[in-house]
């Protein structure tokens, strides 16, 4: 059910996108790359930028909200590592640009993204 809602949201974003000449930034959930329907709606809608963050940081962020149901309760770290590796490869393959934001604060990461898009 979630992937269906995610695909509808992607279609809505593309349909309702900002007027020509303006910029709209859409932050995808980590699993969106594995949702073929959502990704097909987004195809050709702009520049696809992958923000590369290290696995340990992302795992920590996820656990901060409690153990999500998509991680194995017996070994959540291993489950997350598998997801990260698979999705990282998919995002890198799809990305028009990869911006490495590892070890950057929010302001520096934003600056790196803006510079990449401007190029």
Protein backbone atom coordinates (compact mmCIF):
# COMPACT_ATOMS: atom_id res chain seq x y z
CA UNK A 1 0.00 0.00 0.00
CA UNK A 2 2.79 2.42 0.86
CA UNK A 3 4.42 2.09 -2.57
CA UNK A 4 1.12 2.89 -4.24
CA UNK A 5 0.77 6.08 -2.19
CA UNK A 6 4.40 6.92 -2.92
CA UNK A 7 3.77 6.54 -6.67
CA UNK A 8 0.69 8.76 -6.46
CA UNK A 9 2.75 11.40 -4.64
CA UNK A 10 5.46 11.24 -7.32
CA UNK A 11 2.86 11.67 -10.06
CA UNK A 12 1.35 14.61 -8.20
CA UNK A 13 4.73 16.32 -7.76
CA UNK A 14 5.45 16.11 -11.48
CA UNK A 15 1.94 17.19 -12.44
CA UNK A 16 1.88 20.14 -10.02
CA UNK A 17 5.51 21.18 -10.52
CA UNK A 18 6.59 24.78 -10.22
CA UNK A 19 6.29 27.19 -13.16
CA UNK A 20 8.99 27.21 -15.83
CA UNK A 21 12.16 28.94 -14.74
CA UNK A 22 11.73 28.07 -11.08
CA UNK A 23 13.27 25.20 -9.16
CA UNK A 24 11.49 22.48 -7.24
CA UNK A 25 13.47 20.17 -5.00
CA UNK A 26 11.94 16.82 -4.10
CA UNK A 27 13.55 14.69 -1.41
CA UNK A 28 12.82 11.02 -1.97
CA UNK A 29 12.54 8.42 0.74
CA UNK A 30 15.36 5.88 0.71
CA UNK A 31 13.22 3.15 -0.81
CA UNK A 32 11.69 5.23 -3.61
CA UNK A 33 14.45 4.08 -5.96
CA UNK A 34 13.01 0.55 -5.69
CA UNK A 35 9.48 1.70 -6.55
CA UNK A 36 9.35 1.40 -10.33
CA UNK A 37 6.00 3.14 -10.61
CA UNK A 38 7.12 6.18 -8.59
CA UNK A 39 10.41 6.39 -10.48
CA UNK A 40 8.65 6.20 -13.85
CA UNK A 41 6.56 9.25 -12.87
CA UNK A 42 9.72 11.16 -11.97
CA UNK A 43 11.62 10.15 -15.11
CA UNK A 44 12.60 13.15 -17.22
CA UNK A 45 11.25 15.67 -14.70
CA UNK A 46 14.57 17.29 -13.88
CA UNK A 47 18.07 16.74 -12.60
CA UNK A 48 18.39 13.73 -10.35
CA UNK A 49 20.96 14.41 -7.59
CA UNK A 50 22.00 11.64 -5.21
CA UNK A 51 23.22 12.87 -1.85
CA UNK A 52 25.84 10.35 -0.81
CA UNK A 53 25.92 9.83 2.94
CA UNK A 54 27.75 7.11 4.83
CA UNK A 55 25.90 4.01 5.91
CA UNK A 56 26.56 4.41 9.65
CA UNK A 57 25.10 7.93 9.71
CA UNK A 58 21.95 6.83 7.90
CA UNK A 59 21.54 3.81 10.16
CA UNK A 60 21.82 6.06 13.21
CA UNK A 61 19.18 8.43 11.84
CA UNK A 62 16.78 5.57 11.23
CA UNK A 63 17.23 4.10 14.69
CA UNK A 64 16.68 7.51 16.30
CA UNK A 65 12.99 7.08 15.50
CA UNK A 66 12.88 3.53 16.84
CA UNK A 67 13.34 0.26 14.99
CA UNK A 68 11.31 0.47 11.76
CA UNK A 69 9.30 -2.56 10.64
CA UNK A 70 11.36 -3.03 7.45
CA UNK A 71 14.45 -4.01 9.48
CA UNK A 72 14.92 -7.51 10.85
CA UNK A 73 14.62 -7.37 14.65
CA UNK A 74 17.24 -10.13 15.02
CA UNK A 75 19.94 -8.23 13.15
CA UNK A 76 18.78 -4.75 12.11
CA UNK A 77 22.31 -3.61 11.24
CA UNK A 78 22.81 -6.42 8.73
CA UNK A 79 19.37 -5.83 7.21
CA UNK A 80 20.09 -2.12 6.87
CA UNK A 81 23.51 -2.80 5.36
CA UNK A 82 21.92 -4.99 2.68
CA UNK A 83 19.33 -2.29 1.91
CA UNK A 84 21.98 0.43 1.82
CA UNK A 85 24.24 -1.46 -0.58
CA UNK A 86 21.40 -2.33 -2.94
CA UNK A 87 19.88 1.15 -2.92
CA UNK A 88 23.23 2.94 -3.12
CA UNK A 89 24.00 1.07 -6.34
CA UNK A 90 20.56 1.92 -7.77
CA UNK A 91 20.81 5.60 -6.83
CA UNK A 92 24.31 5.89 -8.30
CA UNK A 93 23.13 4.24 -11.51
CA UNK A 94 20.15 6.58 -11.83
CA UNK A 95 21.73 9.84 -10.67
CA UNK A 96 22.63 12.60 -13.08
CA UNK A 97 24.96 13.91 -10.37
CA UNK A 98 26.30 12.46 -7.12
CA UNK A 99 27.09 14.90 -4.33
CA UNK A 100 29.21 13.46 -1.55
CA UNK A 101 27.92 15.05 1.65
CA UNK A 102 29.71 12.73 4.05
CA UNK A 103 31.29 14.72 6.88
CA UNK A 104 29.51 17.94 5.85
CA UNK A 105 27.26 20.05 8.00
CA UNK A 106 23.88 21.08 6.62
CA UNK A 107 25.04 24.46 5.28
CA UNK A 108 28.01 22.96 3.44
CA UNK A 109 25.88 20.16 2.02
CA UNK A 110 23.32 22.67 0.75
CA UNK A 111 26.07 24.74 -0.84
CA UNK A 112 27.50 21.65 -2.56
CA UNK A 113 24.08 20.72 -3.95
CA UNK A 114 23.41 24.25 -5.21
CA UNK A 115 26.83 24.41 -6.89
CA UNK A 116 26.23 21.04 -8.55
CA UNK A 117 22.83 22.08 -9.89
CA UNK A 118 24.16 25.41 -11.13
CA UNK A 119 26.88 23.63 -13.12
